[in-house]
């Protein structure tokens, strides 16, 4: 338990935002620990899951995410294929 408390105290939060979409809540947190700076995206919807992206790769992550969002936006008004 002492180790967990020490780990939590050594984490620094730089920015935090959240958004609610349907029955899900997403948290976007930029943090820093002894390993470096990172973006953590957490989803809460009955359970909890998260992904962690080191800030060294954030530009590439943003580019790929932007590309897939563009494709997904095309499907919003498109008729279903089912």
PDB file of N, CA and C in Angstrom:
ATOM      1  N   UNK A   1       0.816  -1.185   0.000  1.00  0.00           N
ATOM      2  CA  UNK A   1       0.000   0.000   0.000  1.00  0.00           C
ATOM      3  C   UNK A   1       0.865   1.256   0.000  1.00  0.00           C
ATOM      4  N   UNK A   2       1.915   1.266   0.786  1.00  0.00           N
ATOM      5  CA  UNK A   2       2.800   2.428   0.842  1.00  0.00           C
ATOM      6  C   UNK A   2       3.382   2.736  -0.532  1.00  0.00           C
ATOM      7  N   UNK A   3       3.735   1.702  -1.287  1.00  0.00           N
ATOM      8  CA  UNK A   3       4.307   1.899  -2.618  1.00  0.00           C
ATOM      9  C   UNK A   3       3.282   2.555  -3.544  1.00  0.00           C
ATOM     10  N   UNK A   4       2.015   2.117  -3.483  1.00  0.00           N
ATOM     11  CA  UNK A   4       0.971   2.722  -4.312  1.00  0.00           C
ATOM     12  C   UNK A   4       0.833   4.203  -3.997  1.00  0.00           C
ATOM     13  N   UNK A   5       0.815   4.564  -2.722  1.00  0.00           N
ATOM     14  CA  UNK A   5       0.680   5.956  -2.327  1.00  0.00           C
ATOM     15  C   UNK A   5       1.861   6.779  -2.830  1.00  0.00           C
ATOM     16  N   UNK A   6       3.056   6.240  -2.760  1.00  0.00           N
ATOM     17  CA  UNK A   6       4.244   6.938  -3.244  1.00  0.00           C
ATOM     18  C   UNK A   6       4.138   7.144  -4.746  1.00  0.00           C
ATOM     19  N   UNK A   7       3.653   6.143  -5.489  1.00  0.00           N
ATOM     20  CA  UNK A   7       3.499   6.242  -6.943  1.00  0.00           C
ATOM     21  C   UNK A   7       2.487   7.325  -7.294  1.00  0.00           C
ATOM     22  N   UNK A   8       1.349   7.360  -6.589  1.00  0.00           N
ATOM     23  CA  UNK A   8       0.335   8.356  -6.876  1.00  0.00           C
ATOM     24  C   UNK A   8       0.854   9.769  -6.605  1.00  0.00           C
ATOM     25  N   UNK A   9       1.610   9.945  -5.547  1.00  0.00           N
ATOM     26  CA  UNK A   9       2.136  11.270  -5.228  1.00  0.00           C
ATOM     27  C   UNK A   9       3.191  11.717  -6.229  1.00  0.00           C
ATOM     28  N   UNK A  10       3.879  10.792  -6.860  1.00  0.00           N
ATOM     29  CA  UNK A  10       4.930  11.162  -7.793  1.00  0.00           C
ATOM     30  C   UNK A  10       4.377  11.443  -9.193  1.00  0.00           C
ATOM     31  N   UNK A  11       3.056  11.327  -9.369  1.00  0.00           N
ATOM     32  CA  UNK A  11       2.429  11.642 -10.637  1.00  0.00           C
ATOM     33  C   UNK A  11       2.001  13.106 -10.629  1.00  0.00           C
ATOM     34  N   UNK A  12       2.314  13.817 -11.711  1.00  0.00           N
ATOM     35  CA  UNK A  12       1.920  15.215 -11.822  1.00  0.00           C
ATOM     36  C   UNK A  12       0.900  15.332 -12.941  1.00  0.00           C
ATOM     37  N   UNK A  13      -0.200  16.017 -12.671  1.00  0.00           N
ATOM     38  CA  UNK A  13      -1.228  16.219 -13.687  1.00  0.00           C
ATOM     39  C   UNK A  13      -1.030  17.588 -14.323  1.00  0.00           C
ATOM     40  N   UNK A  14      -0.961  17.601 -15.668  1.00  0.00           N
ATOM     41  CA  UNK A  14      -0.757  18.850 -16.400  1.00  0.00           C
ATOM     42  C   UNK A  14      -2.063  19.415 -16.952  1.00  0.00           C
ATOM     43  N   UNK A  15      -2.982  18.536 -17.372  1.00  0.00           N
ATOM     44  CA  UNK A  15      -4.254  18.986 -17.939  1.00  0.00           C
ATOM     45  C   UNK A  15      -5.258  17.850 -17.832  1.00  0.00           C
ATOM     46  N   UNK A  16      -6.534  18.230 -17.742  1.00  0.00           N
ATOM     47  CA  UNK A  16      -7.577  17.217 -17.636  1.00  0.00           C
ATOM     48  C   UNK A  16      -8.875  17.757 -18.218  1.00  0.00           C
ATOM     49  N   UNK A  17      -9.538  16.935 -19.012  1.00  0.00           N
ATOM     50  CA  UNK A  17     -10.843  17.262 -19.608  1.00  0.00           C
ATOM     51  C   UNK A  17     -11.681  15.991 -19.582  1.00  0.00           C
ATOM     52  N   UNK A  18     -13.001  16.156 -19.671  1.00  0.00           N
ATOM     53  CA  UNK A  18     -13.856  14.988 -19.826  1.00  0.00           C
ATOM     54  C   UNK A  18     -15.030  15.332 -20.726  1.00  0.00           C
ATOM     55  N   UNK A  19     -15.644  14.284 -21.271  1.00  0.00           N
ATOM     56  CA  UNK A  19     -16.809  14.457 -22.134  1.00  0.00           C
ATOM     57  C   UNK A  19     -17.752  13.279 -21.893  1.00  0.00           C
ATOM     58  N   UNK A  20     -19.058  13.563 -21.896  1.00  0.00           N
ATOM     59  CA  UNK A  20     -20.080  12.526 -21.772  1.00  0.00           C
ATOM     60  C   UNK A  20     -20.712  12.314 -23.143  1.00  0.00           C
ATOM     61  N   UNK A  21     -20.715  11.060 -23.588  1.00  0.00           N
ATOM     62  CA  UNK A  21     -21.325  10.700 -24.869  1.00  0.00           C
ATOM     63  C   UNK A  21     -22.195   9.481 -24.627  1.00  0.00           C
ATOM     64  N   UNK A  22     -23.502   9.664 -24.854  1.00  0.00           N
ATOM     65  CA  UNK A  22     -24.482   8.622 -24.571  1.00  0.00           C
ATOM     66  C   UNK A  22     -24.293   8.153 -23.127  1.00  0.00           C
ATOM     67  N   UNK A  23     -24.082   6.881 -22.893  1.00  0.00           N
ATOM     68  CA  UNK A  23     -23.952   6.395 -21.513  1.00  0.00           C
ATOM     69  C   UNK A  23     -22.490   6.243 -21.090  1.00  0.00           C
ATOM     70  N   UNK A  24     -21.594   6.882 -21.797  1.00  0.00           N
ATOM     71  CA  UNK A  24     -20.159   6.753 -21.512  1.00  0.00           C
ATOM     72  C   UNK A  24     -19.575   8.102 -21.096  1.00  0.00           C
ATOM     73  N   UNK A  25     -18.572   8.047 -20.261  1.00  0.00           N
ATOM     74  CA  UNK A  25     -17.818   9.249 -19.892  1.00  0.00           C
ATOM     75  C   UNK A  25     -16.359   8.975 -20.241  1.00  0.00           C
ATOM     76  N   UNK A  26     -15.743   9.924 -20.940  1.00  0.00           N
ATOM     77  CA  UNK A  26     -14.351   9.806 -21.337  1.00  0.00           C
ATOM     78  C   UNK A  26     -13.539  10.891 -20.631  1.00  0.00           C
ATOM     79  N   UNK A  27     -12.391  10.497 -20.076  1.00  0.00           N
ATOM     80  CA  UNK A  27     -11.470  11.422 -19.430  1.00  0.00           C
ATOM     81  C   UNK A  27     -10.193  11.487 -20.253  1.00  0.00           C
ATOM     82  N   UNK A  28      -9.675  12.684 -20.448  1.00  0.00           N
ATOM     83  CA  UNK A  28      -8.426  12.915 -21.162  1.00  0.00           C
ATOM     84  C   UNK A  28      -7.487  13.618 -20.188  1.00  0.00           C
ATOM     85  N   UNK A  29      -6.453  12.943 -19.771  1.00  0.00           N
ATOM     86  CA  UNK A  29      -5.542  13.481 -18.765  1.00  0.00           C
ATOM     87  C   UNK A  29      -4.107  13.467 -19.279  1.00  0.00           C
ATOM     88  N   UNK A  30      -3.447  14.613 -19.214  1.00  0.00           N
ATOM     89  CA  UNK A  30      -2.020  14.691 -19.520  1.00  0.00           C
ATOM     90  C   UNK A  30      -1.301  14.679 -18.178  1.00  0.00           C
ATOM     91  N   UNK A  31      -0.462  13.664 -18.006  1.00  0.00           N
ATOM     92  CA  UNK A  31       0.220  13.470 -16.726  1.00  0.00           C
ATOM     93  C   UNK A  31       1.705  13.242 -16.951  1.00  0.00           C
ATOM     94  N   UNK A  32       2.412  13.197 -15.842  1.00  0.00           N
ATOM     95  CA  UNK A  32       3.846  12.939 -15.884  1.00  0.00           C
ATOM     96  C   UNK A  32       4.213  12.105 -14.662  1.00  0.00           C
ATOM     97  N   UNK A  33       5.063  11.097 -14.891  1.00  0.00           N
ATOM     98  CA  UNK A  33       5.610  10.318 -13.780  1.00  0.00           C
ATOM     99  C   UNK A  33       7.099  10.096 -14.038  1.00  0.00           C
ATOM    100  N   UNK A  34       7.711   9.210 -13.293  1.00  0.00           N
ATOM    101  CA  UNK A  34       9.151   8.979 -13.441  1.00  0.00           C
ATOM    102  C   UNK A  34       9.539   8.438 -14.820  1.00  0.00           C
ATOM    103  N   UNK A  35       8.560   7.894 -15.567  1.00  0.00           N
ATOM    104  CA  UNK A  35       8.846   7.375 -16.911  1.00  0.00           C
ATOM    105  C   UNK A  35       8.704   8.441 -17.994  1.00  0.00           C
ATOM    106  N   UNK A  36       8.038   9.554 -17.679  1.00  0.00           N
ATOM    107  CA  UNK A  36       7.871  10.619 -18.663  1.00  0.00           C
ATOM    108  C   UNK A  36       6.454  11.157 -18.700  1.00  0.00           C
ATOM    109  N   UNK A  37       6.172  11.954 -19.715  1.00  0.00           N
ATOM    110  CA  UNK A  37       4.860  12.580 -19.891  1.00  0.00           C
ATOM    111  C   UNK A  37       4.017  11.726 -20.820  1.00  0.00           C
ATOM    112  N   UNK A  38       2.695  11.733 -20.564  1.00  0.00           N
ATOM    113  CA  UNK A  38       1.819  10.879 -21.350  1.00  0.00           C
ATOM    114  C   UNK A  38       0.385  11.394 -21.315  1.00  0.00           C
ATOM    115  N   UNK A  39      -0.396  10.928 -22.289  1.00  0.00           N
ATOM    116  CA  UNK A  39      -1.831  11.177 -22.342  1.00  0.00           C
ATOM    117  C   UNK A  39      -2.521   9.885 -21.960  1.00  0.00           C
ATOM    118  N   UNK A  40      -3.412   9.954 -20.989  1.00  0.00           N
ATOM    119  CA  UNK A  40      -4.219   8.784 -20.610  1.00  0.00           C
ATOM    120  C   UNK A  40      -5.659   9.088 -20.987  1.00  0.00           C
ATOM    121  N   UNK A  41      -6.263   8.188 -21.777  1.00  0.00           N
ATOM    122  CA  UNK A  41      -7.674   8.293 -22.141  1.00  0.00           C
ATOM    123  C   UNK A  41      -8.393   7.160 -21.424  1.00  0.00           C
ATOM    124  N   UNK A  42      -9.353   7.536 -20.588  1.00  0.00           N
ATOM    125  CA  UNK A  42     -10.084   6.554 -19.791  1.00  0.00           C
ATOM    126  C   UNK A  42     -11.558   6.597 -20.165  1.00  0.00           C
ATOM    127  N   UNK A  43     -12.159   5.423 -20.325  1.00  0.00           N
ATOM    128  CA  UNK A  43     -13.584   5.294 -20.605  1.00  0.00           C
ATOM    129  C   UNK A  43     -14.263   4.666 -19.400  1.00  0.00           C
ATOM    130  N   UNK A  44     -15.344   5.295 -18.946  1.00  0.00           N
ATOM    131  CA  UNK A  44     -16.165   4.725 -17.877  1.00  0.00           C
ATOM    132  C   UNK A  44     -17.549   4.443 -18.445  1.00  0.00           C
ATOM    133  N   UNK A  45     -17.986   3.206 -18.326  1.00  0.00           N
ATOM    134  CA  UNK A  45     -19.342   2.831 -18.769  1.00  0.00           C
ATOM    135  C   UNK A  45     -19.671   1.482 -18.141  1.00  0.00           C
ATOM    136  N   UNK A  46     -19.951   1.480 -16.883  1.00  0.00           N
ATOM    137  CA  UNK A  46     -20.142   0.221 -16.169  1.00  0.00           C
ATOM    138  C   UNK A  46     -18.817  -0.317 -15.680  1.00  0.00           C
ATOM    139  N   UNK A  47     -17.839  -0.369 -16.550  1.00  0.00           N
ATOM    140  CA  UNK A  47     -16.475  -0.758 -16.216  1.00  0.00           C
ATOM    141  C   UNK A  47     -15.539   0.393 -16.511  1.00  0.00           C
ATOM    142  N   UNK A  48     -14.269   0.092 -16.484  1.00  0.00           N
ATOM    143  CA  UNK A  48     -13.272   1.141 -16.741  1.00  0.00           C
ATOM    144  C   UNK A  48     -12.174   0.564 -17.617  1.00  0.00           C
ATOM    145  N   UNK A  49     -11.820   1.288 -18.658  1.00  0.00           N
ATOM    146  CA  UNK A  49     -10.675   0.883 -19.482  1.00  0.00           C
ATOM    147  C   UNK A  49      -9.923   2.133 -19.889  1.00  0.00           C
ATOM    148  N   UNK A  50      -8.631   1.977 -20.168  1.00  0.00           N
ATOM    149  CA  UNK A  50      -7.859   3.151 -20.555  1.00  0.00           C
ATOM    150  C   UNK A  50      -6.724   2.765 -21.498  1.00  0.00           C
ATOM    151  N   UNK A  51      -6.259   3.777 -22.209  1.00  0.00           N
ATOM    152  CA  UNK A  51      -5.061   3.640 -23.027  1.00  0.00           C
ATOM    153  C   UNK A  51      -4.122   4.766 -22.622  1.00  0.00           C
ATOM    154  N   UNK A  52      -2.832   4.512 -22.774  1.00  0.00           N
ATOM    155  CA  UNK A  52      -1.809   5.490 -22.416  1.00  0.00           C
ATOM    156  C   UNK A  52      -0.919   5.718 -23.631  1.00  0.00           C
ATOM    157  N   UNK A  53      -0.752   6.978 -24.008  1.00  0.00           N
ATOM    158  CA  UNK A  53       0.070   7.336 -25.161  1.00  0.00           C
ATOM    159  C   UNK A  53       1.210   8.236 -24.682  1.00  0.00           C
ATOM    160  N   UNK A  54       2.462   7.794 -24.813  1.00  0.00           N
ATOM    161  CA  UNK A  54       3.591   8.658 -24.453  1.00  0.00           C
ATOM    162  C   UNK A  54       3.554   9.925 -25.310  1.00  0.00           C
ATOM    163  N   UNK A  55       3.857  11.064 -24.721  1.00  0.00           N
ATOM    164  CA  UNK A  55       3.782  12.315 -25.482  1.00  0.00           C
ATOM    165  C   UNK A  55       4.752  12.355 -26.654  1.00  0.00           C
ATOM    166  N   UNK A  56       5.794  11.544 -26.611  1.00  0.00           N
ATOM    167  CA  UNK A  56       6.703  11.475 -27.751  1.00  0.00           C
ATOM    168  C   UNK A  56       6.032  10.979 -29.018  1.00  0.00           C
ATOM    169  N   UNK A  57       4.921  10.278 -28.893  1.00  0.00           N
ATOM    170  CA  UNK A  57       4.193   9.756 -30.048  1.00  0.00           C
ATOM    171  C   UNK A  57       2.855  10.423 -30.266  1.00  0.00           C
ATOM    172  N   UNK A  58       2.605  11.515 -29.554  1.00  0.00           N
ATOM    173  CA  UNK A  58       1.282  12.138 -29.600  1.00  0.00           C
ATOM    174  C   UNK A  58       0.951  12.729 -30.971  1.00  0.00           C
ATOM    175  N   UNK A  59       1.937  13.248 -31.690  1.00  0.00           N
ATOM    176  CA  UNK A  59       1.668  13.824 -33.014  1.00  0.00           C
ATOM    177  C   UNK A  59       1.230  12.739 -33.985  1.00  0.00           C
ATOM    178  N   UNK A  60       1.924  11.621 -33.994  1.00  0.00           N
ATOM    179  CA  UNK A  60       1.523  10.502 -34.866  1.00  0.00           C
ATOM    180  C   UNK A  60       0.156   9.969 -34.451  1.00  0.00           C
ATOM    181  N   UNK A  61      -0.095   9.839 -33.152  1.00  0.00           N
ATOM    182  CA  UNK A  61      -1.387   9.372 -32.666  1.00  0.00           C
ATOM    183  C   UNK A  61      -2.497  10.305 -33.149  1.00  0.00           C
ATOM    184  N   UNK A  62      -2.271  11.614 -33.045  1.00  0.00           N
ATOM    185  CA  UNK A  62      -3.261  12.605 -33.478  1.00  0.00           C
ATOM    186  C   UNK A  62      -3.531  12.500 -34.978  1.00  0.00           C
ATOM    187  N   UNK A  63      -2.486  12.307 -35.773  1.00  0.00           N
ATOM    188  CA  UNK A  63      -2.655  12.163 -37.224  1.00  0.00           C
ATOM    189  C   UNK A  63      -3.504  10.949 -37.559  1.00  0.00           C
ATOM    190  N   UNK A  64      -3.179   9.798 -36.964  1.00  0.00           N
ATOM    191  CA  UNK A  64      -3.927   8.566 -37.258  1.00  0.00           C
ATOM    192  C   UNK A  64      -5.358   8.660 -36.756  1.00  0.00           C
ATOM    193  N   UNK A  65      -5.546   9.245 -35.590  1.00  0.00           N
ATOM    194  CA  UNK A  65      -6.886   9.415 -35.045  1.00  0.00           C
ATOM    195  C   UNK A  65      -7.704  10.343 -35.940  1.00  0.00           C
ATOM    196  N   UNK A  66      -7.099  11.421 -36.412  1.00  0.00           N
ATOM    197  CA  UNK A  66      -7.775  12.331 -37.332  1.00  0.00           C
ATOM    198  C   UNK A  66      -8.207  11.634 -38.608  1.00  0.00           C
ATOM    199  N   UNK A  67      -7.340  10.782 -39.144  1.00  0.00           N
ATOM    200  CA  UNK A  67      -7.668  10.032 -40.370  1.00  0.00           C
ATOM    201  C   UNK A  67      -8.864   9.116 -40.150  1.00  0.00           C
ATOM    202  N   UNK A  68      -8.885   8.413 -39.035  1.00  0.00           N
ATOM    203  CA  UNK A  68      -9.973   7.469 -38.793  1.00  0.00           C
ATOM    204  C   UNK A  68     -11.267   8.208 -38.450  1.00  0.00           C
ATOM    205  N   UNK A  69     -11.160   9.376 -37.813  1.00  0.00           N
ATOM    206  CA  UNK A  69     -12.352  10.180 -37.536  1.00  0.00           C
ATOM    207  C   UNK A  69     -12.968  10.682 -38.836  1.00  0.00           C
ATOM    208  N   UNK A  70     -12.135  11.099 -39.781  1.00  0.00           N
ATOM    209  CA  UNK A  70     -12.654  11.525 -41.090  1.00  0.00           C
ATOM    210  C   UNK A  70     -13.449  10.405 -41.742  1.00  0.00           C
ATOM    211  N   UNK A  71     -12.928   9.187 -41.701  1.00  0.00           N
ATOM    212  CA  UNK A  71     -13.641   8.042 -42.282  1.00  0.00           C
ATOM    213  C   UNK A  71     -14.934   7.762 -41.512  1.00  0.00           C
ATOM    214  N   UNK A  72     -14.885   7.841 -40.203  1.00  0.00           N
ATOM    215  CA  UNK A  72     -16.071   7.582 -39.388  1.00  0.00           C
ATOM    216  C   UNK A  72     -17.155   8.625 -39.638  1.00  0.00           C
ATOM    217  N   UNK A  73     -16.768   9.894 -39.826  1.00  0.00           N
ATOM    218  CA  UNK A  73     -17.745  10.953 -40.082  1.00  0.00           C
ATOM    219  C   UNK A  73     -18.509  10.708 -41.374  1.00  0.00           C
ATOM    220  N   UNK A  74     -17.885  10.081 -42.341  1.00  0.00           N
ATOM    221  CA  UNK A  74     -18.572   9.754 -43.596  1.00  0.00           C
ATOM    222  C   UNK A  74     -19.707   8.763 -43.358  1.00  0.00           C
ATOM    223  N   UNK A  75     -19.597   7.979 -42.306  1.00  0.00           N
ATOM    224  CA  UNK A  75     -20.608   6.953 -42.029  1.00  0.00           C
ATOM    225  C   UNK A  75     -21.792   7.475 -41.224  1.00  0.00           C
ATOM    226  N   UNK A  76     -21.671   8.659 -40.651  1.00  0.00           N
ATOM    227  CA  UNK A  76     -22.742   9.203 -39.794  1.00  0.00           C
ATOM    228  C   UNK A  76     -24.056   9.293 -40.544  1.00  0.00           C
ATOM    229  N   UNK A  77     -24.044   9.863 -41.721  1.00  0.00           N
ATOM    230  CA  UNK A  77     -25.277  10.035 -42.491  1.00  0.00           C
ATOM    231  C   UNK A  77     -25.457   8.991 -43.581  1.00  0.00           C
ATOM    232  N   UNK A  78     -24.498   8.092 -43.720  1.00  0.00           N
ATOM    233  CA  UNK A  78     -24.587   7.057 -44.761  1.00  0.00           C
ATOM    234  C   UNK A  78     -25.607   5.994 -44.345  1.00  0.00           C
ATOM    235  N   UNK A  79     -26.333   5.445 -45.306  1.00  0.00           N
ATOM    236  CA  UNK A  79     -27.264   4.354 -44.964  1.00  0.00           C
ATOM    237  C   UNK A  79     -26.506   3.131 -44.450  1.00  0.00           C
ATOM    238  N   UNK A  80     -27.141   2.432 -43.550  1.00  0.00           N
ATOM    239  CA  UNK A  80     -26.523   1.243 -42.971  1.00  0.00           C
ATOM    240  C   UNK A  80     -26.377   0.157 -44.017  1.00  0.00           C
ATOM    241  N   UNK A  81     -25.313  -0.618 -43.942  1.00  0.00           N
ATOM    242  CA  UNK A  81     -25.097  -1.699 -44.910  1.00  0.00           C
ATOM    243  C   UNK A  81     -25.709  -3.009 -44.429  1.00  0.00           C
ATOM    244  N   UNK A  82     -26.423  -2.988 -43.306  1.00  0.00           N
ATOM    245  CA  UNK A  82     -27.051  -4.217 -42.793  1.00  0.00           C
ATOM    246  C   UNK A  82     -28.489  -4.315 -43.163  1.00  0.00           C
TER     247      UNK A  82
END
